[in-house]
Amino acid sequence: MLSQLRGNIQVRNGISAISNASFDVPGAHATVRGSYNLLNRRVDLQGTLDTKGILSDATTGFKALVVKAITPLFKKDKSVRIAPFQITGAYGNTSVGIDWKR
């Protein structure tokens, strides 16, 4: 359940540029920027996520082991910061992950 959504979107030549976007859900806060191509439905978003939950509970198997191993690197006070993340790909076939380049 989204509790608050803010941001700026500008559309030009079929591409929506998203800046200063943020949203809150119970136990988490995210900031996002990037673009969404309305013509070919491709997503290219980057952002950060602050959560008070246990990140490894959000996945299973090998991914859960990796998240458990790296979680201490992202601790900030009582929250855990996943910084940064990315969402890329075509609508309906997107990939979500940690953006190790930033």
PDB file of N, CA and C in Angstrom:
ATOM      1  N   MET A   1       0.842  -1.175   0.000  1.00  0.00           N
ATOM      2  CA  MET A   1       0.000   0.000   0.000  1.00  0.00           C
ATOM      3  C   MET A   1       0.887   1.238   0.000  1.00  0.00           C
ATOM      4  N   LEU A   2       0.802   2.020  -1.049  1.00  0.00           N
ATOM      5  CA  LEU A   2       1.542   3.269  -1.140  1.00  0.00           C
ATOM      6  C   LEU A   2       0.908   4.293  -0.211  1.00  0.00           C
ATOM      7  N   SER A   3       1.727   4.932   0.626  1.00  0.00           N
ATOM      8  CA  SER A   3       1.163   5.925   1.519  1.00  0.00           C
ATOM      9  C   SER A   3       1.401   7.342   1.024  1.00  0.00           C
ATOM     10  N   GLN A   4       2.432   7.532   0.215  1.00  0.00           N
ATOM     11  CA  GLN A   4       2.705   8.864  -0.296  1.00  0.00           C
ATOM     12  C   GLN A   4       3.614   8.725  -1.518  1.00  0.00           C
ATOM     13  N   LEU A   5       3.266   9.448  -2.585  1.00  0.00           N
ATOM     14  CA  LEU A   5       4.041   9.420  -3.817  1.00  0.00           C
ATOM     15  C   LEU A   5       4.251  10.852  -4.284  1.00  0.00           C
ATOM     16  N   ARG A   6       5.517  11.221  -4.560  1.00  0.00           N
ATOM     17  CA  ARG A   6       5.850  12.573  -5.022  1.00  0.00           C
ATOM     18  C   ARG A   6       6.857  12.466  -6.150  1.00  0.00           C
ATOM     19  N   GLY A   7       6.910  13.498  -6.976  1.00  0.00           N
ATOM     20  CA  GLY A   7       7.923  13.523  -8.018  1.00  0.00           C
ATOM     21  C   GLY A   7       7.553  14.435  -9.157  1.00  0.00           C
ATOM     22  N   ASN A   8       8.474  14.548 -10.092  1.00  0.00           N
ATOM     23  CA  ASN A   8       8.278  15.348 -11.292  1.00  0.00           C
ATOM     24  C   ASN A   8       8.407  14.448 -12.505  1.00  0.00           C
ATOM     25  N   ILE A   9       7.490  14.612 -13.459  1.00  0.00           N
ATOM     26  CA  ILE A   9       7.539  13.862 -14.712  1.00  0.00           C
ATOM     27  C   ILE A   9       7.370  14.844 -15.857  1.00  0.00           C
ATOM     28  N   GLN A  10       8.284  14.789 -16.807  1.00  0.00           N
ATOM     29  CA  GLN A  10       8.179  15.581 -18.024  1.00  0.00           C
ATOM     30  C   GLN A  10       8.171  14.617 -19.202  1.00  0.00           C
ATOM     31  N   VAL A  11       7.197  14.802 -20.100  1.00  0.00           N
ATOM     32  CA  VAL A  11       7.087  13.934 -21.269  1.00  0.00           C
ATOM     33  C   VAL A  11       7.459  14.725 -22.510  1.00  0.00           C
ATOM     34  N   ARG A  12       8.391  14.164 -23.292  1.00  0.00           N
ATOM     35  CA  ARG A  12       8.822  14.800 -24.538  1.00  0.00           C
ATOM     36  C   ARG A  12       9.223  13.694 -25.520  1.00  0.00           C
ATOM     37  N   ASN A  13       8.682  13.775 -26.725  1.00  0.00           N
ATOM     38  CA  ASN A  13       8.999  12.811 -27.785  1.00  0.00           C
ATOM     39  C   ASN A  13       8.757  11.361 -27.355  1.00  0.00           C
ATOM     40  N   GLY A  14       7.729  11.140 -26.575  1.00  0.00           N
ATOM     41  CA  GLY A  14       7.359   9.789 -26.161  1.00  0.00           C
ATOM     42  C   GLY A  14       8.142   9.220 -25.001  1.00  0.00           C
ATOM     43  N   ILE A  15       9.002  10.029 -24.390  1.00  0.00           N
ATOM     44  CA  ILE A  15       9.796   9.558 -23.255  1.00  0.00           C
ATOM     45  C   ILE A  15       9.454  10.388 -22.032  1.00  0.00           C
ATOM     46  N   SER A  16       9.083   9.705 -20.958  1.00  0.00           N
ATOM     47  CA  SER A  16       8.796  10.409 -19.714  1.00  0.00           C
ATOM     48  C   SER A  16      10.055  10.388 -18.844  1.00  0.00           C
ATOM     49  N   ALA A  17      10.534  11.571 -18.495  1.00  0.00           N
ATOM     50  CA  ALA A  17      11.701  11.732 -17.627  1.00  0.00           C
ATOM     51  C   ALA A  17      11.193  11.926 -16.209  1.00  0.00           C
ATOM     52  N   ILE A  18      11.631  11.067 -15.308  1.00  0.00           N
ATOM     53  CA  ILE A  18      11.181  11.076 -13.916  1.00  0.00           C
ATOM     54  C   ILE A  18      12.324  11.597 -13.049  1.00  0.00           C
ATOM     55  N   SER A  19      12.049  12.630 -12.255  1.00  0.00           N
ATOM     56  CA  SER A  19      13.075  13.176 -11.368  1.00  0.00           C
ATOM     57  C   SER A  19      12.465  13.476 -10.002  1.00  0.00           C
ATOM     58  N   ASN A  20      13.321  13.462  -9.009  1.00  0.00           N
ATOM     59  CA  ASN A  20      12.909  13.778  -7.633  1.00  0.00           C
ATOM     60  C   ASN A  20      11.690  12.987  -7.189  1.00  0.00           C
ATOM     61  N   ALA A  21      11.564  11.756  -7.621  1.00  0.00           N
ATOM     62  CA  ALA A  21      10.423  10.936  -7.218  1.00  0.00           C
ATOM     63  C   ALA A  21      10.749  10.205  -5.922  1.00  0.00           C
ATOM     64  N   SER A  22       9.767  10.114  -5.066  1.00  0.00           N
ATOM     65  CA  SER A  22       9.929   9.347  -3.831  1.00  0.00           C
ATOM     66  C   SER A  22       8.583   8.775  -3.430  1.00  0.00           C
ATOM     67  N   PHE A  23       8.645   7.664  -2.738  1.00  0.00           N
ATOM     68  CA  PHE A  23       7.412   7.083  -2.225  1.00  0.00           C
ATOM     69  C   PHE A  23       7.689   6.340  -0.936  1.00  0.00           C
ATOM     70  N   ASP A  24       6.655   6.248  -0.144  1.00  0.00           N
ATOM     71  CA  ASP A  24       6.720   5.558   1.139  1.00  0.00           C
ATOM     72  C   ASP A  24       5.705   4.431   1.160  1.00  0.00           C
ATOM     73  N   VAL A  25       6.097   3.335   1.742  1.00  0.00           N
ATOM     74  CA  VAL A  25       5.204   2.225   2.059  1.00  0.00           C
ATOM     75  C   VAL A  25       5.523   1.874   3.507  1.00  0.00           C
ATOM     76  N   PRO A  26       4.655   1.177   4.191  1.00  0.00           N
ATOM     77  CA  PRO A  26       4.952   0.850   5.588  1.00  0.00           C
ATOM     78  C   PRO A  26       6.321   0.168   5.738  1.00  0.00           C
ATOM     79  N   GLY A  27       7.220   0.803   6.479  1.00  0.00           N
ATOM     80  CA  GLY A  27       8.540   0.252   6.748  1.00  0.00           C
ATOM     81  C   GLY A  27       9.607   0.559   5.723  1.00  0.00           C
ATOM     82  N   ALA A  28       9.286   1.336   4.679  1.00  0.00           N
ATOM     83  CA  ALA A  28      10.299   1.611   3.657  1.00  0.00           C
ATOM     84  C   ALA A  28      10.073   2.966   2.997  1.00  0.00           C
ATOM     85  N   HIS A  29      11.166   3.541   2.503  1.00  0.00           N
ATOM     86  CA  HIS A  29      11.138   4.799   1.760  1.00  0.00           C
ATOM     87  C   HIS A  29      12.068   4.632   0.558  1.00  0.00           C
ATOM     88  N   ALA A  30      11.635   5.071  -0.609  1.00  0.00           N
ATOM     89  CA  ALA A  30      12.457   4.956  -1.813  1.00  0.00           C
ATOM     90  C   ALA A  30      12.501   6.284  -2.558  1.00  0.00           C
ATOM     91  N   THR A  31      13.645   6.556  -3.167  1.00  0.00           N
ATOM     92  CA  THR A  31      13.775   7.686  -4.077  1.00  0.00           C
ATOM     93  C   THR A  31      14.153   7.108  -5.438  1.00  0.00           C
ATOM     94  N   VAL A  32      13.591   7.693  -6.506  1.00  0.00           N
ATOM     95  CA  VAL A  32      13.763   7.144  -7.849  1.00  0.00           C
ATOM     96  C   VAL A  32      13.939   8.263  -8.866  1.00  0.00           C
ATOM     97  N   ARG A  33      14.741   7.998  -9.900  1.00  0.00           N
ATOM     98  CA  ARG A  33      14.858   8.889 -11.058  1.00  0.00           C
ATOM     99  C   ARG A  33      15.135   8.006 -12.273  1.00  0.00           C
ATOM    100  N   GLY A  34      14.858   8.541 -13.446  1.00  0.00           N
ATOM    101  CA  GLY A  34      15.116   7.780 -14.660  1.00  0.00           C
ATOM    102  C   GLY A  34      14.111   8.094 -15.738  1.00  0.00           C
ATOM    103  N   SER A  35      13.813   7.101 -16.568  1.00  0.00           N
ATOM    104  CA  SER A  35      12.902   7.340 -17.679  1.00  0.00           C
ATOM    105  C   SER A  35      12.045   6.120 -17.978  1.00  0.00           C
ATOM    106  N   TYR A  36      10.932   6.405 -18.656  1.00  0.00           N
ATOM    107  CA  TYR A  36      10.046   5.360 -19.161  1.00  0.00           C
ATOM    108  C   TYR A  36       9.669   5.761 -20.577  1.00  0.00           C
ATOM    109  N   ASN A  37       9.995   4.903 -21.542  1.00  0.00           N
ATOM    110  CA  ASN A  37       9.690   5.175 -22.935  1.00  0.00           C
ATOM    111  C   ASN A  37       8.273   4.705 -23.222  1.00  0.00           C
ATOM    112  N   LEU A  38       7.396   5.639 -23.518  1.00  0.00           N
ATOM    113  CA  LEU A  38       5.993   5.311 -23.768  1.00  0.00           C
ATOM    114  C   LEU A  38       5.796   4.589 -25.100  1.00  0.00           C
ATOM    115  N   LEU A  39       6.746   4.715 -26.011  1.00  0.00           N
ATOM    116  CA  LEU A  39       6.610   4.101 -27.327  1.00  0.00           C
ATOM    117  C   LEU A  39       7.003   2.626 -27.321  1.00  0.00           C
ATOM    118  N   ASN A  40       8.157   2.298 -26.757  1.00  0.00           N
ATOM    119  CA  ASN A  40       8.571   0.894 -26.719  1.00  0.00           C
ATOM    120  C   ASN A  40       8.439   0.262 -25.332  1.00  0.00           C
ATOM    121  N   ARG A  41       7.919   1.019 -24.378  1.00  0.00           N
ATOM    122  CA  ARG A  41       7.608   0.553 -23.022  1.00  0.00           C
ATOM    123  C   ARG A  41       8.841   0.044 -22.263  1.00  0.00           C
ATOM    124  N   ARG A  42       9.972   0.707 -22.473  1.00  0.00           N
ATOM    125  CA  ARG A  42      11.189   0.339 -21.752  1.00  0.00           C
ATOM    126  C   ARG A  42      11.349   1.206 -20.503  1.00  0.00           C
ATOM    127  N   VAL A  43      11.792   0.581 -19.444  1.00  0.00           N
ATOM    128  CA  VAL A  43      11.986   1.216 -18.147  1.00  0.00           C
ATOM    129  C   VAL A  43      13.488   1.336 -17.884  1.00  0.00           C
ATOM    130  N   ASP A  44      13.911   2.485 -17.373  1.00  0.00           N
ATOM    131  CA  ASP A  44      15.293   2.697 -16.962  1.00  0.00           C
ATOM    132  C   ASP A  44      15.277   3.603 -15.737  1.00  0.00           C
ATOM    133  N   LEU A  45      15.179   2.983 -14.567  1.00  0.00           N
ATOM    134  CA  LEU A  45      15.071   3.725 -13.311  1.00  0.00           C
ATOM    135  C   LEU A  45      16.230   3.374 -12.385  1.00  0.00           C
ATOM    136  N   GLN A  46      16.683   4.349 -11.611  1.00  0.00           N
ATOM    137  CA  GLN A  46      17.688   4.136 -10.580  1.00  0.00           C
ATOM    138  C   GLN A  46      17.199   4.795  -9.302  1.00  0.00           C
ATOM    139  N   GLY A  47      17.624   4.266  -8.171  1.00  0.00           N
ATOM    140  CA  GLY A  47      17.208   4.870  -6.911  1.00  0.00           C
ATOM    141  C   GLY A  47      17.864   4.253  -5.704  1.00  0.00           C
ATOM    142  N   THR A  48      17.384   4.653  -4.538  1.00  0.00           N
ATOM    143  CA  THR A  48      17.835   4.087  -3.270  1.00  0.00           C
ATOM    144  C   THR A  48      16.618   3.677  -2.456  1.00  0.00           C
ATOM    145  N   LEU A  49      16.824   2.697  -1.595  1.00  0.00           N
ATOM    146  CA  LEU A  49      15.750   2.177  -0.756  1.00  0.00           C
ATOM    147  C   LEU A  49      16.219   2.113   0.679  1.00  0.00           C
ATOM    148  N   ASP A  50      15.458   2.716   1.574  1.00  0.00           N
ATOM    149  CA  ASP A  50      15.697   2.588   3.021  1.00  0.00           C
ATOM    150  C   ASP A  50      14.579   1.734   3.588  1.00  0.00           C
ATOM    151  N   THR A  51      14.953   0.689   4.315  1.00  0.00           N
ATOM    152  CA  THR A  51      13.943  -0.186   4.897  1.00  0.00           C
ATOM    153  C   THR A  51      14.347  -0.614   6.297  1.00  0.00           C
ATOM    154  N   LYS A  52      13.374  -0.894   7.102  1.00  0.00           N
ATOM    155  CA  LYS A  52      13.631  -1.392   8.453  1.00  0.00           C
ATOM    156  C   LYS A  52      13.456  -2.901   8.515  1.00  0.00           C
ATOM    157  N   GLY A  53      13.084  -3.503   7.402  1.00  0.00           N
ATOM    158  CA  GLY A  53      12.883  -4.944   7.344  1.00  0.00           C
ATOM    159  C   GLY A  53      14.187  -5.694   7.176  1.00  0.00           C
ATOM    160  N   ILE A  54      14.086  -7.009   7.215  1.00  0.00           N
ATOM    161  CA  ILE A  54      15.234  -7.876   6.979  1.00  0.00           C
ATOM    162  C   ILE A  54      15.243  -8.212   5.494  1.00  0.00           C
ATOM    163  N   LEU A  55      16.251  -7.729   4.792  1.00  0.00           N
ATOM    164  CA  LEU A  55      16.273  -7.825   3.344  1.00  0.00           C
ATOM    165  C   LEU A  55      16.268  -9.255   2.828  1.00  0.00           C
ATOM    166  N   SER A  56      16.943 -10.157   3.511  1.00  0.00           N
ATOM    167  CA  SER A  56      17.007 -11.526   3.023  1.00  0.00           C
ATOM    168  C   SER A  56      15.642 -12.214   3.073  1.00  0.00           C
ATOM    169  N   ASP A  57      14.690 -11.651   3.829  1.00  0.00           N
ATOM    170  CA  ASP A  57      13.332 -12.208   3.851  1.00  0.00           C
ATOM    171  C   ASP A  57      12.576 -11.912   2.563  1.00  0.00           C
ATOM    172  N   ALA A  58      13.090 -10.992   1.758  1.00  0.00           N
ATOM    173  CA  ALA A  58      12.408 -10.603   0.526  1.00  0.00           C
ATOM    174  C   ALA A  58      12.761 -11.500  -0.653  1.00  0.00           C
ATOM    175  N   THR A  59      13.688 -12.442  -0.453  1.00  0.00           N
ATOM    176  CA  THR A  59      14.081 -13.345  -1.527  1.00  0.00           C
ATOM    177  C   THR A  59      14.408 -14.712  -0.957  1.00  0.00           C
ATOM    178  N   THR A  60      14.710 -15.668  -1.824  1.00  0.00           N
ATOM    179  CA  THR A  60      14.986 -17.032  -1.377  1.00  0.00           C
ATOM    180  C   THR A  60      16.236 -17.569  -2.074  1.00  0.00           C
ATOM    181  N   GLY A  61      16.688 -18.729  -1.622  1.00  0.00           N
ATOM    182  CA  GLY A  61      17.791 -19.429  -2.260  1.00  0.00           C
ATOM    183  C   GLY A  61      19.103 -18.679  -2.212  1.00  0.00           C
ATOM    184  N   PHE A  62      19.843 -18.779  -3.318  1.00  0.00           N
ATOM    185  CA  PHE A  62      21.162 -18.170  -3.411  1.00  0.00           C
ATOM    186  C   PHE A  62      21.118 -16.663  -3.213  1.00  0.00           C
ATOM    187  N   LYS A  63      20.094 -16.006  -3.766  1.00  0.00           N
ATOM    188  CA  LYS A  63      19.964 -14.552  -3.613  1.00  0.00           C
ATOM    189  C   LYS A  63      19.870 -14.176  -2.138  1.00  0.00           C
ATOM    190  N   ALA A  64      19.131 -14.939  -1.348  1.00  0.00           N
ATOM    191  CA  ALA A  64      18.999 -14.655   0.078  1.00  0.00           C
ATOM    192  C   ALA A  64      20.355 -14.756   0.776  1.00  0.00           C
ATOM    193  N   LEU A  65      21.177 -15.746   0.394  1.00  0.00           N
ATOM    194  CA  LEU A  65      22.512 -15.886   0.982  1.00  0.00           C
ATOM    195  C   LEU A  65      23.397 -14.687   0.634  1.00  0.00           C
ATOM    196  N   VAL A  66      23.331 -14.252  -0.604  1.00  0.00           N
ATOM    197  CA  VAL A  66      24.124 -13.090  -1.023  1.00  0.00           C
ATOM    198  C   VAL A  66      23.691 -11.847  -0.262  1.00  0.00           C
ATOM    199  N   VAL A  67      22.364 -11.637  -0.153  1.00  0.00           N
ATOM    200  CA  VAL A  67      21.857 -10.463   0.557  1.00  0.00           C
ATOM    201  C   VAL A  67      22.270 -10.496   2.020  1.00  0.00           C
ATOM    202  N   LYS A  68      22.229 -11.674   2.664  1.00  0.00           N
ATOM    203  CA  LYS A  68      22.662 -11.781   4.056  1.00  0.00           C
ATOM    204  C   LYS A  68      24.137 -11.411   4.196  1.00  0.00           C
ATOM    205  N   ALA A  69      24.944 -11.813   3.219  1.00  0.00           N
ATOM    206  CA  ALA A  69      26.383 -11.542   3.284  1.00  0.00           C
ATOM    207  C   ALA A  69      26.706 -10.067   3.110  1.00  0.00           C
ATOM    208  N   ILE A  70      25.960  -9.363   2.259  1.00  0.00           N
ATOM    209  CA  ILE A  70      26.292  -7.959   1.985  1.00  0.00           C
ATOM    210  C   ILE A  70      25.532  -6.966   2.850  1.00  0.00           C
ATOM    211  N   THR A  71      24.491  -7.409   3.558  1.00  0.00           N
ATOM    212  CA  THR A  71      23.683  -6.490   4.366  1.00  0.00           C
ATOM    213  C   THR A  71      24.518  -5.654   5.339  1.00  0.00           C
ATOM    214  N   PRO A  72      25.544  -6.210   6.021  1.00  0.00           N
ATOM    215  CA  PRO A  72      26.333  -5.363   6.929  1.00  0.00           C
ATOM    216  C   PRO A  72      27.009  -4.186   6.241  1.00  0.00           C
ATOM    217  N   LEU A  73      27.269  -4.271   4.940  1.00  0.00           N
ATOM    218  CA  LEU A  73      27.894  -3.172   4.208  1.00  0.00           C
ATOM    219  C   LEU A  73      26.967  -1.980   4.047  1.00  0.00           C
ATOM    220  N   PHE A  74      25.660  -2.211   4.158  1.00  0.00           N
ATOM    221  CA  PHE A  74      24.687  -1.161   3.880  1.00  0.00           C
ATOM    222  C   PHE A  74      23.952  -0.663   5.119  1.00  0.00           C
ATOM    223  N   LYS A  75      24.378  -1.090   6.307  1.00  0.00           N
ATOM    224  CA  LYS A  75      23.670  -0.658   7.513  1.00  0.00           C
ATOM    225  C   LYS A  75      23.848   0.831   7.751  1.00  0.00           C
ATOM    226  N   LYS A  76      22.757   1.449   8.203  1.00  0.00           N
ATOM    227  CA  LYS A  76      22.784   2.868   8.562  1.00  0.00           C
ATOM    228  C   LYS A  76      21.865   3.021   9.761  1.00  0.00           C
ATOM    229  N   ASP A  77      22.430   3.262  10.912  1.00  0.00           N
ATOM    230  CA  ASP A  77      21.665   3.349  12.155  1.00  0.00           C
ATOM    231  C   ASP A  77      20.808   2.099  12.309  1.00  0.00           C
ATOM    232  N   LYS A  78      19.503   2.277  12.534  1.00  0.00           N
ATOM    233  CA  LYS A  78      18.618   1.130  12.723  1.00  0.00           C
ATOM    234  C   LYS A  78      17.961   0.691  11.424  1.00  0.00           C
ATOM    235  N   SER A  79      18.217   1.417  10.339  1.00  0.00           N
ATOM    236  CA  SER A  79      17.648   1.013   9.061  1.00  0.00           C
ATOM    237  C   SER A  79      18.733   0.361   8.216  1.00  0.00           C
ATOM    238  N   VAL A  80      18.326  -0.256   7.167  1.00  0.00           N
ATOM    239  CA  VAL A  80      19.259  -0.829   6.217  1.00  0.00           C
ATOM    240  C   VAL A  80      19.090  -0.063   4.921  1.00  0.00           C
ATOM    241  N   ARG A  81      20.173   0.411   4.346  1.00  0.00           N
ATOM    242  CA  ARG A  81      20.088   1.179   3.112  1.00  0.00           C
ATOM    243  C   ARG A  81      20.605   0.320   1.968  1.00  0.00           C
ATOM    244  N   ILE A  82      19.770   0.120   0.997  1.00  0.00           N
ATOM    245  CA  ILE A  82      20.201  -0.503  -0.246  1.00  0.00           C
ATOM    246  C   ILE A  82      20.456   0.646  -1.194  1.00  0.00           C
ATOM    247  N   ALA A  83      21.698   0.889  -1.446  1.00  0.00           N
ATOM    248  CA  ALA A  83      22.041   2.036  -2.268  1.00  0.00           C
ATOM    249  C   ALA A  83      23.105   1.623  -3.248  1.00  0.00           C
ATOM    250  N   PRO A  84      22.798   1.679  -4.426  1.00  0.00           N
ATOM    251  CA  PRO A  84      21.583   2.049  -5.146  1.00  0.00           C
ATOM    252  C   PRO A  84      20.922   0.809  -5.768  1.00  0.00           C
ATOM    253  N   PHE A  85      19.739   0.983  -6.320  1.00  0.00           N
ATOM    254  CA  PHE A  85      19.082  -0.107  -7.047  1.00  0.00           C
ATOM    255  C   PHE A  85      18.716   0.369  -8.440  1.00  0.00           C
ATOM    256  N   GLN A  86      18.386  -0.575  -9.298  1.00  0.00           N
ATOM    257  CA  GLN A  86      17.985  -0.228 -10.656  1.00  0.00           C
ATOM    258  C   GLN A  86      16.826  -1.115 -11.098  1.00  0.00           C
ATOM    259  N   ILE A  87      15.998  -0.554 -11.942  1.00  0.00           N
ATOM    260  CA  ILE A  87      14.901  -1.289 -12.567  1.00  0.00           C
ATOM    261  C   ILE A  87      15.025  -1.008 -14.061  1.00  0.00           C
ATOM    262  N   THR A  88      15.297  -2.043 -14.840  1.00  0.00           N
ATOM    263  CA  THR A  88      15.505  -1.858 -16.273  1.00  0.00           C
ATOM    264  C   THR A  88      14.784  -2.942 -17.063  1.00  0.00           C
ATOM    265  N   GLY A  89      14.570  -2.661 -18.334  1.00  0.00           N
ATOM    266  CA  GLY A  89      13.993  -3.640 -19.237  1.00  0.00           C
ATOM    267  C   GLY A  89      12.659  -3.202 -19.788  1.00  0.00           C
ATOM    268  N   ALA A  90      12.054  -4.092 -20.555  1.00  0.00           N
ATOM    269  CA  ALA A  90      10.754  -3.821 -21.152  1.00  0.00           C
ATOM    270  C   ALA A  90       9.654  -4.066 -20.121  1.00  0.00           C
ATOM    271  N   TYR A  91       8.602  -3.270 -20.207  1.00  0.00           N
ATOM    272  CA  TYR A  91       7.469  -3.416 -19.299  1.00  0.00           C
ATOM    273  C   TYR A  91       6.983  -4.863 -19.339  1.00  0.00           C
ATOM    274  N   GLY A  92       6.759  -5.447 -18.183  1.00  0.00           N
ATOM    275  CA  GLY A  92       6.332  -6.840 -18.085  1.00  0.00           C
ATOM    276  C   GLY A  92       7.486  -7.816 -18.031  1.00  0.00           C
ATOM    277  N   ASN A  93       8.690  -7.348 -18.332  1.00  0.00           N
ATOM    278  CA  ASN A  93       9.883  -8.195 -18.297  1.00  0.00           C
ATOM    279  C   ASN A  93      11.054  -7.387 -17.739  1.00  0.00           C
ATOM    280  N   THR A  94      10.798  -6.724 -16.626  1.00  0.00           N
ATOM    281  CA  THR A  94      11.819  -5.865 -16.036  1.00  0.00           C
ATOM    282  C   THR A  94      12.732  -6.645 -15.110  1.00  0.00           C
ATOM    283  N   SER A  95      13.889  -6.084 -14.882  1.00  0.00           N
ATOM    284  CA  SER A  95      14.876  -6.659 -13.980  1.00  0.00           C
ATOM    285  C   SER A  95      15.098  -5.650 -12.853  1.00  0.00           C
ATOM    286  N   VAL A  96      15.089  -6.135 -11.624  1.00  0.00           N
ATOM    287  CA  VAL A  96      15.318  -5.292 -10.453  1.00  0.00           C
ATOM    288  C   VAL A  96      16.549  -5.814  -9.738  1.00  0.00           C
ATOM    289  N   GLY A  97      17.486  -4.919  -9.412  1.00  0.00           N
ATOM    290  CA  GLY A  97      18.683  -5.362  -8.727  1.00  0.00           C
ATOM    291  C   GLY A  97      19.482  -4.210  -8.161  1.00  0.00           C
ATOM    292  N   ILE A  98      20.584  -4.556  -7.488  1.00  0.00           N
ATOM    293  CA  ILE A  98      21.481  -3.550  -6.938  1.00  0.00           C
ATOM    294  C   ILE A  98      22.333  -3.026  -8.083  1.00  0.00           C
ATOM    295  N   ASP A  99      22.480  -1.717  -8.170  1.00  0.00           N
ATOM    296  CA  ASP A  99      23.282  -1.085  -9.202  1.00  0.00           C
ATOM    297  C   ASP A  99      24.699  -0.924  -8.679  1.00  0.00           C
ATOM    298  N   TRP A 100      25.561  -1.893  -8.963  1.00  0.00           N
ATOM    299  CA  TRP A 100      26.916  -1.902  -8.431  1.00  0.00           C
ATOM    300  C   TRP A 100      27.806  -0.849  -9.064  1.00  0.00           C
ATOM    301  N   LYS A 101      27.362  -0.229 -10.156  1.00  0.00           N
ATOM    302  CA  LYS A 101      28.172   0.778 -10.852  1.00  0.00           C
ATOM    303  C   LYS A 101      28.201   2.104 -10.103  1.00  0.00           C
ATOM    304  N   ARG A 102      27.209   2.354  -9.238  1.00  0.00           N
ATOM    305  CA  ARG A 102      27.163   3.639  -8.540  1.00  0.00           C
ATOM    306  C   ARG A 102      27.684   3.517  -7.154  1.00  0.00           C
TER     307      ARG A 102
END
